[in-house]
């Protein structure tokens, strides 16, 4: 196996990521994208196969772009961009981290009472107790 420095990509549940992999001698070679150990059964898509609702590849010669749609938490993991060559294939390691997409809003109001009620009823703050909600909102 030959590979280069690992990439890290972040995405959110329901979102899409586009990953660009390049290699100077990839122009006419098969490009592929796999997860885990990158054995034959781990290949998710190749430049020679038709895309799916989840995965697609755009072959750009010495580069290719893999798109992963409708991200789920289970998509988190190690992936590989592979270039099929005579001799050992070339790989780029990729770490995909999918989060649940929830963000704690930064709220700034002059009324402490209003701020507390806003934090208490905000769906994006679920899972935090009242003390944490106020601490987060006050920064």
N, C-alpha and C. Protein backbone atom coordinates (compact mmCIF):
# COMPACT_ATOMS: atom_id res chain seq x y z
N UNK A 1 0.84 -1.18 0.00
CA UNK A 1 0.00 0.00 0.00
C UNK A 1 0.88 1.24 0.00
N UNK A 2 0.57 2.18 -0.84
CA UNK A 2 1.25 3.47 -0.86
C UNK A 2 0.21 4.53 -0.56
N UNK A 3 0.51 5.45 0.34
CA UNK A 3 -0.47 6.48 0.64
C UNK A 3 0.21 7.79 1.01
N UNK A 4 -0.61 8.83 1.12
CA UNK A 4 -0.13 10.15 1.48
C UNK A 4 -0.75 10.55 2.82
N UNK A 5 -0.51 11.79 3.24
CA UNK A 5 -1.01 12.28 4.52
C UNK A 5 -2.54 12.21 4.59
N UNK A 6 -3.06 11.84 5.75
CA UNK A 6 -4.51 11.67 5.94
C UNK A 6 -5.24 13.01 5.90
N UNK A 7 -6.44 12.97 5.36
CA UNK A 7 -7.34 14.13 5.33
C UNK A 7 -8.39 13.96 6.42
N UNK A 8 -8.92 15.06 6.92
CA UNK A 8 -10.03 15.01 7.86
C UNK A 8 -11.17 15.83 7.29
N UNK A 9 -12.35 15.25 7.27
CA UNK A 9 -13.54 15.92 6.74
C UNK A 9 -14.63 15.82 7.78
N UNK A 10 -15.35 16.92 7.99
CA UNK A 10 -16.46 16.94 8.93
C UNK A 10 -17.76 17.20 8.19
N UNK A 11 -18.82 16.56 8.65
CA UNK A 11 -20.14 16.76 8.07
C UNK A 11 -21.20 16.62 9.13
N UNK A 12 -22.43 16.94 8.76
CA UNK A 12 -23.56 16.86 9.68
C UNK A 12 -24.60 15.89 9.15
N UNK A 13 -25.33 15.28 10.06
CA UNK A 13 -26.39 14.34 9.68
C UNK A 13 -27.32 14.99 8.67
N UNK A 14 -27.61 14.26 7.60
CA UNK A 14 -28.48 14.76 6.54
C UNK A 14 -27.76 15.59 5.49
N UNK A 15 -26.50 15.94 5.77
CA UNK A 15 -25.74 16.79 4.86
C UNK A 15 -24.99 16.01 3.79
N UNK A 16 -24.15 16.74 3.06
CA UNK A 16 -23.37 16.19 1.96
C UNK A 16 -21.93 16.64 2.11
N UNK A 17 -20.98 15.76 1.79
CA UNK A 17 -19.57 16.16 1.72
C UNK A 17 -19.04 15.80 0.34
N UNK A 18 -18.10 16.62 -0.14
CA UNK A 18 -17.41 16.37 -1.42
C UNK A 18 -15.93 16.30 -1.09
N UNK A 19 -15.31 15.21 -1.50
CA UNK A 19 -13.92 14.95 -1.17
C UNK A 19 -13.10 14.87 -2.45
N UNK A 20 -12.09 15.74 -2.56
CA UNK A 20 -11.24 15.75 -3.76
C UNK A 20 -9.93 15.03 -3.46
N UNK A 21 -9.65 14.02 -4.26
CA UNK A 21 -8.39 13.27 -4.15
C UNK A 21 -7.62 13.44 -5.45
N UNK A 22 -6.31 13.62 -5.33
CA UNK A 22 -5.49 13.84 -6.52
C UNK A 22 -4.29 12.90 -6.53
N UNK A 23 -3.78 12.64 -7.73
CA UNK A 23 -2.55 11.87 -7.91
C UNK A 23 -2.00 12.24 -9.29
N UNK A 24 -0.71 12.50 -9.37
CA UNK A 24 -0.12 12.98 -10.62
C UNK A 24 -0.22 11.99 -11.77
N UNK A 25 -0.28 10.71 -11.49
CA UNK A 25 -0.34 9.71 -12.56
C UNK A 25 -1.68 8.98 -12.61
N UNK A 26 -2.74 9.64 -12.23
CA UNK A 26 -4.04 8.97 -12.13
C UNK A 26 -4.89 9.08 -13.39
N UNK A 27 -4.47 9.87 -14.34
CA UNK A 27 -5.32 10.24 -15.49
C UNK A 27 -6.13 9.07 -16.05
N UNK A 28 -5.50 8.00 -16.47
CA UNK A 28 -6.24 6.91 -17.12
C UNK A 28 -6.48 5.72 -16.19
N UNK A 29 -6.14 5.86 -14.93
CA UNK A 29 -6.31 4.76 -13.99
C UNK A 29 -7.70 4.77 -13.35
N UNK A 30 -8.11 3.61 -12.86
CA UNK A 30 -9.38 3.50 -12.15
C UNK A 30 -9.27 4.16 -10.79
N UNK A 31 -10.27 4.97 -10.48
CA UNK A 31 -10.34 5.61 -9.17
C UNK A 31 -11.42 4.88 -8.37
N UNK A 32 -11.21 4.76 -7.06
CA UNK A 32 -12.22 4.12 -6.23
C UNK A 32 -12.21 4.70 -4.83
N UNK A 33 -13.30 4.47 -4.12
CA UNK A 33 -13.51 5.01 -2.78
C UNK A 33 -14.01 3.87 -1.91
N UNK A 34 -13.33 3.65 -0.78
CA UNK A 34 -13.70 2.53 0.07
C UNK A 34 -13.66 2.94 1.55
N UNK A 35 -14.26 2.11 2.38
CA UNK A 35 -14.32 2.36 3.82
C UNK A 35 -13.68 1.19 4.54
N UNK A 36 -13.03 1.50 5.66
CA UNK A 36 -12.46 0.44 6.49
C UNK A 36 -11.13 -0.04 5.96
N UNK A 37 -10.99 -1.35 5.79
CA UNK A 37 -9.72 -1.94 5.38
C UNK A 37 -9.46 -1.83 3.88
N UNK A 38 -10.43 -1.40 3.12
CA UNK A 38 -10.32 -1.19 1.67
C UNK A 38 -10.01 -2.48 0.91
N UNK A 39 -10.64 -3.56 1.36
CA UNK A 39 -10.58 -4.80 0.60
C UNK A 39 -11.63 -4.71 -0.51
N UNK A 40 -11.66 -5.69 -1.38
CA UNK A 40 -12.60 -5.69 -2.51
C UNK A 40 -14.04 -5.42 -2.05
N UNK A 41 -14.46 -6.07 -0.97
CA UNK A 41 -15.84 -5.92 -0.49
C UNK A 41 -16.08 -4.58 0.21
N UNK A 42 -15.02 -3.81 0.47
CA UNK A 42 -15.16 -2.51 1.14
C UNK A 42 -15.29 -1.36 0.15
N UNK A 43 -15.12 -1.63 -1.14
CA UNK A 43 -15.20 -0.57 -2.16
C UNK A 43 -16.65 -0.11 -2.29
N UNK A 44 -16.86 1.18 -2.12
CA UNK A 44 -18.21 1.76 -2.16
C UNK A 44 -18.59 2.20 -3.57
N UNK A 45 -17.61 2.70 -4.33
CA UNK A 45 -17.87 3.16 -5.69
C UNK A 45 -16.54 3.26 -6.43
N UNK A 46 -16.58 3.07 -7.74
CA UNK A 46 -15.39 3.25 -8.58
C UNK A 46 -15.73 4.19 -9.72
N UNK A 47 -14.69 4.66 -10.40
CA UNK A 47 -14.91 5.53 -11.56
C UNK A 47 -15.50 4.76 -12.73
N UNK A 48 -15.52 3.45 -12.63
CA UNK A 48 -16.06 2.61 -13.70
C UNK A 48 -17.47 2.09 -13.41
N UNK A 49 -18.01 2.44 -12.25
CA UNK A 49 -19.36 2.00 -11.91
C UNK A 49 -20.29 3.20 -11.79
N UNK A 50 -21.56 2.93 -11.91
CA UNK A 50 -22.56 3.98 -11.82
C UNK A 50 -22.72 4.40 -10.35
N UNK A 51 -22.95 5.69 -10.13
CA UNK A 51 -23.15 6.20 -8.79
C UNK A 51 -24.47 5.73 -8.20
N UNK A 52 -24.68 6.06 -6.95
CA UNK A 52 -25.92 5.70 -6.26
C UNK A 52 -26.48 6.96 -5.60
N UNK A 53 -27.59 6.81 -4.90
CA UNK A 53 -28.15 7.95 -4.17
C UNK A 53 -27.18 8.42 -3.09
N UNK A 54 -26.38 7.51 -2.56
CA UNK A 54 -25.48 7.81 -1.46
C UNK A 54 -24.10 8.28 -1.94
N UNK A 55 -23.52 7.59 -2.93
CA UNK A 55 -22.15 7.86 -3.37
C UNK A 55 -22.09 8.15 -4.86
N UNK A 56 -21.19 9.07 -5.23
CA UNK A 56 -20.90 9.29 -6.65
C UNK A 56 -19.45 9.73 -6.79
N UNK A 57 -18.90 9.51 -7.99
CA UNK A 57 -17.52 9.92 -8.30
C UNK A 57 -17.54 10.73 -9.58
N UNK A 58 -16.79 11.84 -9.56
CA UNK A 58 -16.55 12.62 -10.77
C UNK A 58 -15.07 12.44 -11.11
N UNK A 59 -14.78 11.83 -12.23
CA UNK A 59 -13.40 11.60 -12.66
C UNK A 59 -12.90 12.84 -13.38
N UNK A 60 -11.87 13.47 -12.84
CA UNK A 60 -11.30 14.69 -13.41
C UNK A 60 -9.88 14.46 -13.93
N UNK A 61 -9.57 13.26 -14.36
CA UNK A 61 -8.22 12.97 -14.86
C UNK A 61 -7.28 12.64 -13.72
N UNK A 62 -6.42 13.58 -13.36
CA UNK A 62 -5.48 13.35 -12.26
C UNK A 62 -6.10 13.61 -10.89
N UNK A 63 -7.40 13.79 -10.85
CA UNK A 63 -8.12 13.98 -9.59
C UNK A 63 -9.50 13.34 -9.73
N UNK A 64 -10.10 13.09 -8.60
CA UNK A 64 -11.50 12.69 -8.61
C UNK A 64 -12.19 13.22 -7.37
N UNK A 65 -13.47 13.47 -7.51
CA UNK A 65 -14.26 14.01 -6.41
C UNK A 65 -15.32 12.98 -6.05
N UNK A 66 -15.30 12.55 -4.81
CA UNK A 66 -16.31 11.63 -4.31
C UNK A 66 -17.31 12.44 -3.49
N UNK A 67 -18.58 12.23 -3.76
CA UNK A 67 -19.65 12.89 -3.01
C UNK A 67 -20.36 11.84 -2.17
N UNK A 68 -20.57 12.16 -0.90
CA UNK A 68 -21.36 11.31 0.00
C UNK A 68 -22.56 12.15 0.43
N UNK A 69 -23.75 11.64 0.17
CA UNK A 69 -24.98 12.37 0.48
C UNK A 69 -25.72 11.74 1.66
N UNK A 70 -26.64 12.52 2.21
CA UNK A 70 -27.50 12.06 3.31
C UNK A 70 -26.65 11.41 4.41
N UNK A 71 -25.69 12.15 4.92
CA UNK A 71 -24.79 11.64 5.94
C UNK A 71 -25.55 11.18 7.18
N UNK A 72 -25.08 10.09 7.76
CA UNK A 72 -25.62 9.55 9.00
C UNK A 72 -24.47 9.36 9.98
N UNK A 73 -24.77 9.29 11.27
CA UNK A 73 -23.72 9.10 12.27
C UNK A 73 -22.89 7.85 11.96
N UNK A 74 -23.52 6.80 11.43
CA UNK A 74 -22.80 5.56 11.13
C UNK A 74 -21.81 5.73 9.98
N UNK A 75 -21.86 6.85 9.26
CA UNK A 75 -20.89 7.11 8.18
C UNK A 75 -19.54 7.56 8.73
N UNK A 76 -19.48 7.91 10.02
CA UNK A 76 -18.22 8.29 10.64
C UNK A 76 -17.24 7.12 10.52
N UNK A 77 -16.00 7.43 10.13
CA UNK A 77 -15.00 6.37 10.05
C UNK A 77 -13.86 6.71 9.12
N UNK A 78 -13.04 5.71 8.84
CA UNK A 78 -11.88 5.86 7.97
C UNK A 78 -12.23 5.38 6.57
N UNK A 79 -11.94 6.22 5.60
CA UNK A 79 -12.17 5.93 4.18
C UNK A 79 -10.84 6.04 3.45
N UNK A 80 -10.83 5.55 2.22
CA UNK A 80 -9.64 5.62 1.38
C UNK A 80 -10.03 6.02 -0.03
N UNK A 81 -9.30 6.98 -0.58
CA UNK A 81 -9.38 7.29 -2.01
C UNK A 81 -8.29 6.44 -2.65
N UNK A 82 -8.66 5.57 -3.55
CA UNK A 82 -7.67 4.67 -4.15
C UNK A 82 -7.50 4.91 -5.64
N UNK A 83 -6.28 4.72 -6.12
CA UNK A 83 -5.96 4.79 -7.54
C UNK A 83 -5.40 3.43 -7.93
N UNK A 84 -6.10 2.73 -8.83
CA UNK A 84 -5.61 1.44 -9.31
C UNK A 84 -4.45 1.65 -10.27
N UNK A 85 -3.33 0.99 -10.01
CA UNK A 85 -2.13 1.16 -10.84
C UNK A 85 -1.48 -0.18 -11.08
N UNK A 86 -0.55 -0.21 -12.03
CA UNK A 86 0.31 -1.38 -12.18
C UNK A 86 1.25 -1.34 -10.98
N UNK A 87 1.34 -2.41 -10.26
CA UNK A 87 2.07 -2.40 -9.00
C UNK A 87 1.11 -2.03 -7.88
N UNK A 88 1.64 -1.56 -6.76
CA UNK A 88 0.76 -1.24 -5.63
C UNK A 88 -0.14 -0.04 -5.94
N UNK A 89 -1.39 -0.13 -5.51
CA UNK A 89 -2.30 1.00 -5.66
C UNK A 89 -1.85 2.14 -4.75
N UNK A 90 -2.30 3.34 -5.08
CA UNK A 90 -2.00 4.52 -4.28
C UNK A 90 -3.25 4.92 -3.52
N UNK A 91 -3.09 5.28 -2.25
CA UNK A 91 -4.23 5.61 -1.40
C UNK A 91 -4.05 6.95 -0.72
N UNK A 92 -5.17 7.61 -0.46
CA UNK A 92 -5.21 8.77 0.42
C UNK A 92 -6.18 8.41 1.53
N UNK A 93 -5.70 8.48 2.76
CA UNK A 93 -6.53 8.16 3.92
C UNK A 93 -7.40 9.35 4.26
N UNK A 94 -8.63 9.08 4.64
CA UNK A 94 -9.59 10.13 4.95
C UNK A 94 -10.35 9.75 6.21
N UNK A 95 -10.45 10.68 7.15
CA UNK A 95 -11.23 10.46 8.36
C UNK A 95 -12.47 11.34 8.28
N UNK A 96 -13.63 10.70 8.21
CA UNK A 96 -14.89 11.42 8.15
C UNK A 96 -15.54 11.39 9.52
N UNK A 97 -15.90 12.57 10.02
CA UNK A 97 -16.59 12.71 11.30
C UNK A 97 -17.94 13.34 11.02
N UNK A 98 -19.00 12.62 11.33
CA UNK A 98 -20.36 13.13 11.15
C UNK A 98 -20.93 13.43 12.52
N UNK A 99 -21.40 14.67 12.72
CA UNK A 99 -22.05 15.02 13.98
C UNK A 99 -23.54 15.19 13.75
N UNK A 100 -24.26 15.34 14.85
CA UNK A 100 -25.73 15.41 14.75
C UNK A 100 -26.23 16.75 14.25
N UNK A 101 -25.32 17.67 14.00
CA UNK A 101 -25.71 18.95 13.40
C UNK A 101 -26.29 19.96 14.37
N UNK A 102 -26.44 19.57 15.63
CA UNK A 102 -27.01 20.52 16.58
C UNK A 102 -25.95 21.53 16.99
N UNK A 103 -26.34 22.76 17.03
CA UNK A 103 -25.45 23.83 17.46
C UNK A 103 -26.15 24.63 18.54
N UNK A 104 -25.40 25.04 19.54
CA UNK A 104 -25.97 25.88 20.59
C UNK A 104 -25.89 27.32 20.11
N UNK A 105 -27.04 27.97 19.98
CA UNK A 105 -27.02 29.34 19.48
C UNK A 105 -26.43 30.29 20.51
N UNK A 106 -25.76 31.31 20.04
CA UNK A 106 -25.26 32.36 20.92
C UNK A 106 -26.31 33.45 20.95
N UNK A 107 -26.92 33.64 22.11
CA UNK A 107 -28.00 34.61 22.25
C UNK A 107 -27.53 35.75 23.13
N UNK A 108 -27.90 36.95 22.76
CA UNK A 108 -27.52 38.11 23.55
C UNK A 108 -28.74 39.02 23.70
N UNK A 109 -29.29 39.04 24.89
CA UNK A 109 -30.45 39.88 25.17
C UNK A 109 -30.18 40.69 26.43
N UNK A 110 -30.88 41.81 26.58
CA UNK A 110 -30.71 42.63 27.77
C UNK A 110 -31.53 42.10 28.93
N UNK A 111 -32.57 41.32 28.66
CA UNK A 111 -33.42 40.79 29.71
C UNK A 111 -32.98 39.38 30.09
N UNK A 112 -32.52 39.21 31.32
CA UNK A 112 -32.10 37.89 31.78
C UNK A 112 -33.28 36.93 31.78
N UNK A 113 -34.45 37.39 32.19
CA UNK A 113 -35.64 36.53 32.23
C UNK A 113 -35.98 36.03 30.83
N UNK A 114 -35.95 36.91 29.84
CA UNK A 114 -36.25 36.52 28.47
C UNK A 114 -35.22 35.51 27.97
N UNK A 115 -33.97 35.76 28.29
CA UNK A 115 -32.90 34.86 27.87
C UNK A 115 -33.11 33.47 28.45
N UNK A 116 -33.45 33.40 29.73
CA UNK A 116 -33.67 32.10 30.37
C UNK A 116 -34.82 31.36 29.70
N UNK A 117 -35.93 32.04 29.43
CA UNK A 117 -37.06 31.39 28.78
C UNK A 117 -36.70 30.93 27.37
N UNK A 118 -35.94 31.74 26.66
CA UNK A 118 -35.53 31.38 25.30
C UNK A 118 -34.66 30.12 25.34
N UNK A 119 -33.72 30.08 26.26
CA UNK A 119 -32.85 28.92 26.37
C UNK A 119 -33.63 27.70 26.84
N UNK A 120 -34.57 27.90 27.74
CA UNK A 120 -35.34 26.79 28.29
C UNK A 120 -36.18 26.11 27.21
N UNK A 121 -36.66 26.86 26.24
CA UNK A 121 -37.56 26.31 25.23
C UNK A 121 -36.89 26.09 23.87
N UNK A 122 -35.61 26.29 23.79
CA UNK A 122 -34.92 26.10 22.51
C UNK A 122 -34.66 24.62 22.27
N UNK A 123 -35.16 24.09 21.16
CA UNK A 123 -34.98 22.66 20.87
C UNK A 123 -33.52 22.32 20.62
N UNK A 124 -32.71 23.28 20.19
CA UNK A 124 -31.31 22.97 19.92
C UNK A 124 -30.48 22.90 21.20
N UNK A 125 -31.09 23.22 22.36
CA UNK A 125 -30.38 23.14 23.63
C UNK A 125 -30.83 21.94 24.45
N UNK A 126 -31.61 21.03 23.87
CA UNK A 126 -32.09 19.88 24.63
C UNK A 126 -30.91 19.08 25.16
N UNK A 127 -31.11 18.49 26.30
CA UNK A 127 -30.05 17.70 26.90
C UNK A 127 -29.22 18.49 27.91
N UNK A 128 -29.35 19.79 27.93
CA UNK A 128 -28.64 20.61 28.92
C UNK A 128 -29.60 20.94 30.05
N UNK A 129 -29.11 20.92 31.29
CA UNK A 129 -30.00 21.33 32.37
C UNK A 129 -30.08 22.85 32.42
N UNK A 130 -30.98 23.40 33.24
CA UNK A 130 -31.21 24.85 33.25
C UNK A 130 -29.95 25.63 33.59
N UNK A 131 -29.14 25.13 34.50
CA UNK A 131 -27.91 25.83 34.87
C UNK A 131 -26.96 25.91 33.68
N UNK A 132 -26.80 24.81 32.96
CA UNK A 132 -25.91 24.81 31.80
C UNK A 132 -26.44 25.73 30.71
N UNK A 133 -27.76 25.76 30.53
CA UNK A 133 -28.34 26.61 29.51
C UNK A 133 -28.00 28.07 29.78
N UNK A 134 -28.14 28.48 31.02
CA UNK A 134 -27.84 29.88 31.34
C UNK A 134 -26.35 30.16 31.21
N UNK A 135 -25.52 29.24 31.66
CA UNK A 135 -24.08 29.43 31.55
C UNK A 135 -23.67 29.56 30.09
N UNK A 136 -24.21 28.71 29.22
CA UNK A 136 -23.90 28.77 27.79
C UNK A 136 -24.37 30.09 27.21
N UNK A 137 -25.58 30.51 27.56
CA UNK A 137 -26.14 31.72 26.98
C UNK A 137 -25.41 32.97 27.44
N UNK A 138 -24.88 32.96 28.65
CA UNK A 138 -24.17 34.14 29.13
C UNK A 138 -22.71 34.14 28.69
N UNK A 139 -22.27 33.03 28.13
CA UNK A 139 -20.89 32.95 27.64
C UNK A 139 -19.94 32.78 28.77
